[in-house]
Amino acid sequence: MHGSGAVKYQSDDPAKGAIVTIENLEKMAMPVILQYETVTHKTGTVTLPVEVWNNTAVWNAKLPTTEELISVTIDPDKLLPDVNFLNNIWKKK
């Protein structure tokens, strides 16, 4: 996500939640809105404060899922400035 980020499962078990690695590729720190969808089409949103970027350009966010994901989108409503919205979506292969 946001470049070379990734989606993994806690202890390789989707029932324990997902870990989404996001990267701040720009110089401006912004809050992060993550929207996700599971294999049974349940959706959820997690909002991270701008402070996650205080001392790092990479952040691992935990999503409270109990099943596999089919997609994760950063800023789904395109509310925040971004030069490349195309790198904001992860889809299961």
PDB file of N, CA and C in Angstrom:
ATOM      1  N   MET A   1       0.847  -1.160   0.000  1.00  0.00           N
ATOM      2  CA  MET A   1       0.000   0.000   0.000  1.00  0.00           C
ATOM      3  C   MET A   1       0.895   1.226   0.000  1.00  0.00           C
ATOM      4  N   HIS A   2       0.458   2.265  -0.604  1.00  0.00           N
ATOM      5  CA  HIS A   2       1.280   3.470  -0.733  1.00  0.00           C
ATOM      6  C   HIS A   2       2.666   3.077  -1.206  1.00  0.00           C
ATOM      7  N   GLY A   3       2.768   2.427  -2.325  1.00  0.00           N
ATOM      8  CA  GLY A   3       4.064   2.024  -2.836  1.00  0.00           C
ATOM      9  C   GLY A   3       4.283   0.540  -2.639  1.00  0.00           C
ATOM     10  N   SER A   4       5.263   0.182  -1.823  1.00  0.00           N
ATOM     11  CA  SER A   4       5.613  -1.234  -1.691  1.00  0.00           C
ATOM     12  C   SER A   4       5.064  -1.855  -0.418  1.00  0.00           C
ATOM     13  N   GLY A   5       3.947  -1.389   0.063  1.00  0.00           N
ATOM     14  CA  GLY A   5       3.355  -1.942   1.278  1.00  0.00           C
ATOM     15  C   GLY A   5       2.813  -3.345   1.068  1.00  0.00           C
ATOM     16  N   ALA A   6       2.304  -3.959   2.157  1.00  0.00           N
ATOM     17  CA  ALA A   6       1.860  -5.347   2.080  1.00  0.00           C
ATOM     18  C   ALA A   6       0.723  -5.593   3.053  1.00  0.00           C
ATOM     19  N   VAL A   7       0.027  -6.706   2.836  1.00  0.00           N
ATOM     20  CA  VAL A   7      -1.017  -7.173   3.743  1.00  0.00           C
ATOM     21  C   VAL A   7      -0.645  -8.588   4.160  1.00  0.00           C
ATOM     22  N   LYS A   8      -0.551  -8.812   5.479  1.00  0.00           N
ATOM     23  CA  LYS A   8      -0.252 -10.136   6.030  1.00  0.00           C
ATOM     24  C   LYS A   8      -1.240 -10.397   7.154  1.00  0.00           C
ATOM     25  N   TYR A   9      -1.276 -11.641   7.612  1.00  0.00           N
ATOM     26  CA  TYR A   9      -2.173 -11.997   8.710  1.00  0.00           C
ATOM     27  C   TYR A   9      -1.368 -12.266   9.972  1.00  0.00           C
ATOM     28  N   GLN A  10      -1.927 -11.859  11.104  1.00  0.00           N
ATOM     29  CA  GLN A  10      -1.291 -12.080  12.394  1.00  0.00           C
ATOM     30  C   GLN A  10      -1.060 -13.587  12.564  1.00  0.00           C
ATOM     31  N   SER A  11       0.185 -14.005  12.784  1.00  0.00           N
ATOM     32  CA  SER A  11       0.554 -15.418  12.933  1.00  0.00           C
ATOM     33  C   SER A  11       0.072 -16.265  11.752  1.00  0.00           C
ATOM     34  N   ASP A  12       0.005 -15.658  10.559  1.00  0.00           N
ATOM     35  CA  ASP A  12      -0.476 -16.337   9.341  1.00  0.00           C
ATOM     36  C   ASP A  12      -1.887 -16.895   9.482  1.00  0.00           C
ATOM     37  N   ASP A  13      -2.689 -16.294  10.354  1.00  0.00           N
ATOM     38  CA  ASP A  13      -4.053 -16.768  10.609  1.00  0.00           C
ATOM     39  C   ASP A  13      -5.029 -15.601  10.441  1.00  0.00           C
ATOM     40  N   PRO A  14      -5.843 -15.589   9.359  1.00  0.00           N
ATOM     41  CA  PRO A  14      -6.790 -14.496   9.143  1.00  0.00           C
ATOM     42  C   PRO A  14      -7.733 -14.253  10.317  1.00  0.00           C
ATOM     43  N   ALA A  15      -8.024 -15.292  11.109  1.00  0.00           N
ATOM     44  CA  ALA A  15      -8.930 -15.139  12.252  1.00  0.00           C
ATOM     45  C   ALA A  15      -8.336 -14.256  13.349  1.00  0.00           C
ATOM     46  N   LYS A  16      -7.010 -14.048  13.316  1.00  0.00           N
ATOM     47  CA  LYS A  16      -6.338 -13.236  14.342  1.00  0.00           C
ATOM     48  C   LYS A  16      -6.144 -11.787  13.916  1.00  0.00           C
ATOM     49  N   GLY A  17      -6.612 -11.431  12.721  1.00  0.00           N
ATOM     50  CA  GLY A  17      -6.489 -10.054  12.249  1.00  0.00           C
ATOM     51  C   GLY A  17      -5.429  -9.910  11.178  1.00  0.00           C
ATOM     52  N   ALA A  18      -5.475  -8.800  10.485  1.00  0.00           N
ATOM     53  CA  ALA A  18      -4.544  -8.521   9.394  1.00  0.00           C
ATOM     54  C   ALA A  18      -3.617  -7.380   9.782  1.00  0.00           C
ATOM     55  N   ILE A  19      -2.396  -7.437   9.280  1.00  0.00           N
ATOM     56  CA  ILE A  19      -1.426  -6.370   9.462  1.00  0.00           C
ATOM     57  C   ILE A  19      -1.185  -5.749   8.086  1.00  0.00           C
ATOM     58  N   VAL A  20      -1.465  -4.455   7.967  1.00  0.00           N
ATOM     59  CA  VAL A  20      -1.284  -3.734   6.716  1.00  0.00           C
ATOM     60  C   VAL A  20      -0.086  -2.806   6.885  1.00  0.00           C
ATOM     61  N   THR A  21       0.909  -2.963   6.022  1.00  0.00           N
ATOM     62  CA  THR A  21       2.070  -2.090   6.035  1.00  0.00           C
ATOM     63  C   THR A  21       1.807  -0.952   5.067  1.00  0.00           C
ATOM     64  N   ILE A  22       1.868   0.273   5.582  1.00  0.00           N
ATOM     65  CA  ILE A  22       1.661   1.450   4.733  1.00  0.00           C
ATOM     66  C   ILE A  22       2.919   2.310   4.781  1.00  0.00           C
ATOM     67  N   GLU A  23       3.137   3.050   3.715  1.00  0.00           N
ATOM     68  CA  GLU A  23       4.306   3.911   3.623  1.00  0.00           C
ATOM     69  C   GLU A  23       3.881   5.328   3.283  1.00  0.00           C
ATOM     70  N   ASN A  24       4.529   6.285   3.922  1.00  0.00           N
ATOM     71  CA  ASN A  24       4.323   7.688   3.599  1.00  0.00           C
ATOM     72  C   ASN A  24       5.384   8.060   2.565  1.00  0.00           C
ATOM     73  N   LEU A  25       5.005   8.036   1.286  1.00  0.00           N
ATOM     74  CA  LEU A  25       5.945   8.310   0.209  1.00  0.00           C
ATOM     75  C   LEU A  25       6.131   9.798  -0.051  1.00  0.00           C
ATOM     76  N   GLU A  26       5.266  10.610   0.501  1.00  0.00           N
ATOM     77  CA  GLU A  26       5.343  12.058   0.301  1.00  0.00           C
ATOM     78  C   GLU A  26       5.968  12.709   1.521  1.00  0.00           C
ATOM     79  N   LYS A  27       6.244  13.970   1.422  1.00  0.00           N
ATOM     80  CA  LYS A  27       6.858  14.686   2.541  1.00  0.00           C
ATOM     81  C   LYS A  27       5.830  15.142   3.570  1.00  0.00           C
ATOM     82  N   MET A  28       4.560  15.219   3.162  1.00  0.00           N
ATOM     83  CA  MET A  28       3.529  15.729   4.053  1.00  0.00           C
ATOM     84  C   MET A  28       2.879  14.583   4.832  1.00  0.00           C
ATOM     85  N   ALA A  29       2.912  14.685   6.144  1.00  0.00           N
ATOM     86  CA  ALA A  29       2.254  13.673   6.980  1.00  0.00           C
ATOM     87  C   ALA A  29       0.764  13.983   7.071  1.00  0.00           C
ATOM     88  N   MET A  30      -0.052  12.960   6.883  1.00  0.00           N
ATOM     89  CA  MET A  30      -1.501  13.109   6.930  1.00  0.00           C
ATOM     90  C   MET A  30      -2.076  11.956   7.746  1.00  0.00           C
ATOM     91  N   PRO A  31      -3.296  12.113   8.271  1.00  0.00           N
ATOM     92  CA  PRO A  31      -3.956  10.956   8.885  1.00  0.00           C
ATOM     93  C   PRO A  31      -4.194   9.890   7.818  1.00  0.00           C
ATOM     94  N   VAL A  32      -4.457   8.667   8.243  1.00  0.00           N
ATOM     95  CA  VAL A  32      -4.664   7.572   7.291  1.00  0.00           C
ATOM     96  C   VAL A  32      -6.029   6.949   7.551  1.00  0.00           C
ATOM     97  N   ILE A  33      -6.816   6.813   6.495  1.00  0.00           N
ATOM     98  CA  ILE A  33      -8.106   6.126   6.561  1.00  0.00           C
ATOM     99  C   ILE A  33      -7.954   4.840   5.764  1.00  0.00           C
ATOM    100  N   LEU A  34      -8.141   3.697   6.432  1.00  0.00           N
ATOM    101  CA  LEU A  34      -8.056   2.396   5.771  1.00  0.00           C
ATOM    102  C   LEU A  34      -9.440   1.762   5.733  1.00  0.00           C
ATOM    103  N   GLN A  35      -9.896   1.427   4.549  1.00  0.00           N
ATOM    104  CA  GLN A  35     -11.166   0.723   4.396  1.00  0.00           C
ATOM    105  C   GLN A  35     -10.838  -0.676   3.880  1.00  0.00           C
ATOM    106  N   TYR A  36     -11.478  -1.690   4.454  1.00  0.00           N
ATOM    107  CA  TYR A  36     -11.183  -3.056   4.035  1.00  0.00           C
ATOM    108  C   TYR A  36     -12.466  -3.821   3.764  1.00  0.00           C
ATOM    109  N   GLU A  37     -12.317  -4.888   2.947  1.00  0.00           N
ATOM    110  CA  GLU A  37     -13.436  -5.779   2.644  1.00  0.00           C
ATOM    111  C   GLU A  37     -12.937  -7.216   2.760  1.00  0.00           C
ATOM    112  N   THR A  38     -13.740  -8.071   3.396  1.00  0.00           N
ATOM    113  CA  THR A  38     -13.367  -9.465   3.591  1.00  0.00           C
ATOM    114  C   THR A  38     -13.990 -10.344   2.511  1.00  0.00           C
ATOM    115  N   VAL A  39     -13.618 -11.626   2.538  1.00  0.00           N
ATOM    116  CA  VAL A  39     -14.131 -12.573   1.533  1.00  0.00           C
ATOM    117  C   VAL A  39     -15.643 -12.746   1.584  1.00  0.00           C
ATOM    118  N   THR A  40     -16.268 -12.468   2.733  1.00  0.00           N
ATOM    119  CA  THR A  40     -17.733 -12.549   2.809  1.00  0.00           C
ATOM    120  C   THR A  40     -18.360 -11.158   2.663  1.00  0.00           C
ATOM    121  N   HIS A  41     -17.574 -10.222   2.153  1.00  0.00           N
ATOM    122  CA  HIS A  41     -18.001  -8.851   1.832  1.00  0.00           C
ATOM    123  C   HIS A  41     -18.346  -8.001   3.053  1.00  0.00           C
ATOM    124  N   LYS A  42     -17.817  -8.371   4.223  1.00  0.00           N
ATOM    125  CA  LYS A  42     -17.925  -7.483   5.383  1.00  0.00           C
ATOM    126  C   LYS A  42     -16.924  -6.362   5.172  1.00  0.00           C
ATOM    127  N   THR A  43     -17.314  -5.154   5.547  1.00  0.00           N
ATOM    128  CA  THR A  43     -16.414  -4.013   5.380  1.00  0.00           C
ATOM    129  C   THR A  43     -16.173  -3.343   6.725  1.00  0.00           C
ATOM    130  N   GLY A  44     -15.092  -2.619   6.780  1.00  0.00           N
ATOM    131  CA  GLY A  44     -14.766  -1.871   7.982  1.00  0.00           C
ATOM    132  C   GLY A  44     -13.812  -0.748   7.646  1.00  0.00           C
ATOM    133  N   THR A  45     -13.667   0.175   8.575  1.00  0.00           N
ATOM    134  CA  THR A  45     -12.776   1.317   8.395  1.00  0.00           C
ATOM    135  C   THR A  45     -11.971   1.516   9.666  1.00  0.00           C
ATOM    136  N   VAL A  46     -10.685   1.798   9.491  1.00  0.00           N
ATOM    137  CA  VAL A  46      -9.790   2.122  10.600  1.00  0.00           C
ATOM    138  C   VAL A  46      -9.151   3.462  10.265  1.00  0.00           C
ATOM    139  N   THR A  47      -9.152   4.386  11.212  1.00  0.00           N
ATOM    140  CA  THR A  47      -8.524   5.689  11.012  1.00  0.00           C
ATOM    141  C   THR A  47      -7.317   5.805  11.931  1.00  0.00           C
ATOM    142  N   LEU A  48      -6.185   6.144  11.341  1.00  0.00           N
ATOM    143  CA  LEU A  48      -4.946   6.334  12.092  1.00  0.00           C
ATOM    144  C   LEU A  48      -4.642   7.828  12.159  1.00  0.00           C
ATOM    145  N   PRO A  49      -4.228   8.335  13.328  1.00  0.00           N
ATOM    146  CA  PRO A  49      -3.927   9.764  13.441  1.00  0.00           C
ATOM    147  C   PRO A  49      -2.634  10.122  12.716  1.00  0.00           C
ATOM    148  N   VAL A  50      -2.461  11.383  12.413  1.00  0.00           N
ATOM    149  CA  VAL A  50      -1.261  11.867  11.738  1.00  0.00           C
ATOM    150  C   VAL A  50       0.001  11.548  12.542  1.00  0.00           C
ATOM    151  N   GLU A  51      -0.126  11.384  13.848  1.00  0.00           N
ATOM    152  CA  GLU A  51       1.034  11.137  14.712  1.00  0.00           C
ATOM    153  C   GLU A  51       1.759   9.828  14.405  1.00  0.00           C
ATOM    154  N   VAL A  52       1.111   8.886  13.684  1.00  0.00           N
ATOM    155  CA  VAL A  52       1.814   7.643  13.362  1.00  0.00           C
ATOM    156  C   VAL A  52       3.070   7.927  12.536  1.00  0.00           C
ATOM    157  N   TRP A  53       3.124   9.067  11.864  1.00  0.00           N
ATOM    158  CA  TRP A  53       4.258   9.417  11.006  1.00  0.00           C
ATOM    159  C   TRP A  53       5.335  10.225  11.733  1.00  0.00           C
ATOM    160  N   ASN A  54       5.199  10.429  13.049  1.00  0.00           N
ATOM    161  CA  ASN A  54       6.158  11.269  13.783  1.00  0.00           C
ATOM    162  C   ASN A  54       7.610  10.868  13.575  1.00  0.00           C
ATOM    163  N   ASN A  55       7.945   9.610  13.667  1.00  0.00           N
ATOM    164  CA  ASN A  55       9.343   9.192  13.588  1.00  0.00           C
ATOM    165  C   ASN A  55       9.597   8.087  12.576  1.00  0.00           C
ATOM    166  N   THR A  56       8.668   7.891  11.645  1.00  0.00           N
ATOM    167  CA  THR A  56       8.825   6.797  10.692  1.00  0.00           C
ATOM    168  C   THR A  56       8.107   7.113   9.385  1.00  0.00           C
ATOM    169  N   ALA A  57       8.543   6.470   8.317  1.00  0.00           N
ATOM    170  CA  ALA A  57       7.855   6.596   7.032  1.00  0.00           C
ATOM    171  C   ALA A  57       7.090   5.316   6.707  1.00  0.00           C
ATOM    172  N   VAL A  58       7.202   4.299   7.584  1.00  0.00           N
ATOM    173  CA  VAL A  58       6.512   3.022   7.386  1.00  0.00           C
ATOM    174  C   VAL A  58       5.755   2.690   8.665  1.00  0.00           C
ATOM    175  N   TRP A  59       4.510   2.233   8.536  1.00  0.00           N
ATOM    176  CA  TRP A  59       3.685   1.926   9.710  1.00  0.00           C
ATOM    177  C   TRP A  59       2.932   0.626   9.467  1.00  0.00           C
ATOM    178  N   ASN A  60       2.878  -0.221  10.487  1.00  0.00           N
ATOM    179  CA  ASN A  60       2.090  -1.458  10.425  1.00  0.00           C
ATOM    180  C   ASN A  60       0.796  -1.243  11.198  1.00  0.00           C
ATOM    181  N   ALA A  61      -0.308  -1.275  10.490  1.00  0.00           N
ATOM    182  CA  ALA A  61      -1.619  -1.062  11.108  1.00  0.00           C
ATOM    183  C   ALA A  61      -2.348  -2.389  11.216  1.00  0.00           C
ATOM    184  N   LYS A  62      -2.925  -2.648  12.379  1.00  0.00           N
ATOM    185  CA  LYS A  62      -3.673  -3.894  12.566  1.00  0.00           C
ATOM    186  C   LYS A  62      -5.153  -3.648  12.250  1.00  0.00           C
ATOM    187  N   LEU A  63      -5.716  -4.533  11.430  1.00  0.00           N
ATOM    188  CA  LEU A  63      -7.138  -4.466  11.106  1.00  0.00           C
ATOM    189  C   LEU A  63      -7.847  -5.563  11.885  1.00  0.00           C
ATOM    190  N   PRO A  64      -8.990  -5.243  12.506  1.00  0.00           N
ATOM    191  CA  PRO A  64      -9.698  -6.205  13.353  1.00  0.00           C
ATOM    192  C   PRO A  64     -10.551  -7.177  12.538  1.00  0.00           C
ATOM    193  N   THR A  65      -9.894  -7.949  11.685  1.00  0.00           N
ATOM    194  CA  THR A  65     -10.625  -8.890  10.834  1.00  0.00           C
ATOM    195  C   THR A  65     -10.601 -10.289  11.444  1.00  0.00           C
ATOM    196  N   THR A  66     -11.524 -11.120  11.009  1.00  0.00           N
ATOM    197  CA  THR A  66     -11.540 -12.523  11.447  1.00  0.00           C
ATOM    198  C   THR A  66     -11.571 -13.464  10.250  1.00  0.00           C
ATOM    199  N   GLU A  67     -11.389 -12.914   9.059  1.00  0.00           N
ATOM    200  CA  GLU A  67     -11.348 -13.731   7.846  1.00  0.00           C
ATOM    201  C   GLU A  67     -10.466 -13.050   6.816  1.00  0.00           C
ATOM    202  N   GLU A  68     -10.192 -13.759   5.724  1.00  0.00           N
ATOM    203  CA  GLU A  68      -9.301 -13.223   4.694  1.00  0.00           C
ATOM    204  C   GLU A  68      -9.860 -11.946   4.084  1.00  0.00           C
ATOM    205  N   LEU A  69      -8.943 -11.100   3.655  1.00  0.00           N
ATOM    206  CA  LEU A  69      -9.319  -9.855   2.996  1.00  0.00           C
ATOM    207  C   LEU A  69      -9.312 -10.032   1.490  1.00  0.00           C
ATOM    208  N   ILE A  70     -10.191  -9.277   0.821  1.00  0.00           N
ATOM    209  CA  ILE A  70     -10.115  -9.229  -0.644  1.00  0.00           C
ATOM    210  C   ILE A  70      -9.612  -7.870  -1.114  1.00  0.00           C
ATOM    211  N   SER A  71      -9.739  -6.835  -0.245  1.00  0.00           N
ATOM    212  CA  SER A  71      -9.197  -5.534  -0.628  1.00  0.00           C
ATOM    213  C   SER A  71      -8.983  -4.648   0.592  1.00  0.00           C
ATOM    214  N   VAL A  72      -7.996  -3.754   0.452  1.00  0.00           N
ATOM    215  CA  VAL A  72      -7.739  -2.699   1.436  1.00  0.00           C
ATOM    216  C   VAL A  72      -7.481  -1.438   0.629  1.00  0.00           C
ATOM    217  N   THR A  73      -8.134  -0.347   1.019  1.00  0.00           N
ATOM    218  CA  THR A  73      -7.984   0.919   0.308  1.00  0.00           C
ATOM    219  C   THR A  73      -7.626   2.019   1.294  1.00  0.00           C
ATOM    220  N   ILE A  74      -6.611   2.788   0.951  1.00  0.00           N
ATOM    221  CA  ILE A  74      -6.245   3.964   1.727  1.00  0.00           C
ATOM    222  C   ILE A  74      -7.046   5.141   1.181  1.00  0.00           C
ATOM    223  N   ASP A  75      -7.653   5.901   2.083  1.00  0.00           N
ATOM    224  CA  ASP A  75      -8.415   7.096   1.720  1.00  0.00           C
ATOM    225  C   ASP A  75      -9.424   6.809   0.593  1.00  0.00           C
ATOM    226  N   PRO A  76     -10.392   5.922   0.843  1.00  0.00           N
ATOM    227  CA  PRO A  76     -11.317   5.502  -0.218  1.00  0.00           C
ATOM    228  C   PRO A  76     -12.127   6.639  -0.837  1.00  0.00           C
ATOM    229  N   ASP A  77     -12.394   7.689  -0.078  1.00  0.00           N
ATOM    230  CA  ASP A  77     -13.186   8.807  -0.603  1.00  0.00           C
ATOM    231  C   ASP A  77     -12.313   9.917  -1.186  1.00  0.00           C
ATOM    232  N   LYS A  78     -10.993   9.683  -1.220  1.00  0.00           N
ATOM    233  CA  LYS A  78     -10.035  10.655  -1.777  1.00  0.00           C
ATOM    234  C   LYS A  78     -10.206  12.039  -1.143  1.00  0.00           C
ATOM    235  N   LEU A  79     -10.258  12.048   0.189  1.00  0.00           N
ATOM    236  CA  LEU A  79     -10.421  13.301   0.926  1.00  0.00           C
ATOM    237  C   LEU A  79      -9.098  14.031   1.151  1.00  0.00           C
ATOM    238  N   LEU A  80      -7.994  13.287   1.149  1.00  0.00           N
ATOM    239  CA  LEU A  80      -6.682  13.869   1.460  1.00  0.00           C
ATOM    240  C   LEU A  80      -5.878  14.055   0.183  1.00  0.00           C
ATOM    241  N   PRO A  81      -5.004  15.074   0.145  1.00  0.00           N
ATOM    242  CA  PRO A  81      -4.188  15.285  -1.058  1.00  0.00           C
ATOM    243  C   PRO A  81      -3.246  14.102  -1.289  1.00  0.00           C
ATOM    244  N   ASP A  82      -3.106  13.700  -2.550  1.00  0.00           N
ATOM    245  CA  ASP A  82      -2.247  12.570  -2.902  1.00  0.00           C
ATOM    246  C   ASP A  82      -1.861  12.721  -4.359  1.00  0.00           C
ATOM    247  N   VAL A  83      -0.594  12.498  -4.683  1.00  0.00           N
ATOM    248  CA  VAL A  83      -0.157  12.616  -6.073  1.00  0.00           C
ATOM    249  C   VAL A  83      -0.507  11.380  -6.894  1.00  0.00           C
ATOM    250  N   ASN A  84      -0.684  10.228  -6.232  1.00  0.00           N
ATOM    251  CA  ASN A  84      -0.942   8.997  -6.956  1.00  0.00           C
ATOM    252  C   ASN A  84      -1.949   8.137  -6.190  1.00  0.00           C
ATOM    253  N   PHE A  85      -3.216   8.270  -6.514  1.00  0.00           N
ATOM    254  CA  PHE A  85      -4.251   7.468  -5.853  1.00  0.00           C
ATOM    255  C   PHE A  85      -4.201   5.996  -6.295  1.00  0.00           C
ATOM    256  N   LEU A  86      -3.513   5.703  -7.404  1.00  0.00           N
ATOM    257  CA  LEU A  86      -3.473   4.343  -7.923  1.00  0.00           C
ATOM    258  C   LEU A  86      -2.737   3.370  -7.003  1.00  0.00           C
ATOM    259  N   ASN A  87      -1.813   3.876  -6.153  1.00  0.00           N
ATOM    260  CA  ASN A  87      -1.076   2.979  -5.261  1.00  0.00           C
ATOM    261  C   ASN A  87      -1.728   2.876  -3.887  1.00  0.00           C
ATOM    262  N   ASN A  88      -2.991   3.240  -3.775  1.00  0.00           N
ATOM    263  CA  ASN A  88      -3.708   3.210  -2.504  1.00  0.00           C
ATOM    264  C   ASN A  88      -4.601   1.983  -2.339  1.00  0.00           C
ATOM    265  N   ILE A  89      -4.555   1.058  -3.297  1.00  0.00           N
ATOM    266  CA  ILE A  89      -5.455  -0.100  -3.248  1.00  0.00           C
ATOM    267  C   ILE A  89      -4.655  -1.390  -3.307  1.00  0.00           C
ATOM    268  N   TRP A  90      -4.965  -2.298  -2.370  1.00  0.00           N
ATOM    269  CA  TRP A  90      -4.421  -3.660  -2.393  1.00  0.00           C
ATOM    270  C   TRP A  90      -5.597  -4.586  -2.661  1.00  0.00           C
ATOM    271  N   LYS A  91      -5.418  -5.519  -3.584  1.00  0.00           N
ATOM    272  CA  LYS A  91      -6.443  -6.519  -3.874  1.00  0.00           C
ATOM    273  C   LYS A  91      -5.826  -7.900  -3.790  1.00  0.00           C
ATOM    274  N   LYS A  92      -6.596  -8.839  -3.249  1.00  0.00           N
ATOM    275  CA  LYS A  92      -6.143 -10.219  -3.160  1.00  0.00           C
ATOM    276  C   LYS A  92      -5.938 -10.782  -4.552  1.00  0.00           C
ATOM    277  N   LYS A  93      -4.848 -11.492  -4.723  1.00  0.00           N
ATOM    278  CA  LYS A  93      -4.563 -12.074  -6.044  1.00  0.00           C
ATOM    279  C   LYS A  93      -5.197 -13.420  -6.196  1.00  0.00           C
TER     280      LYS A  93
END
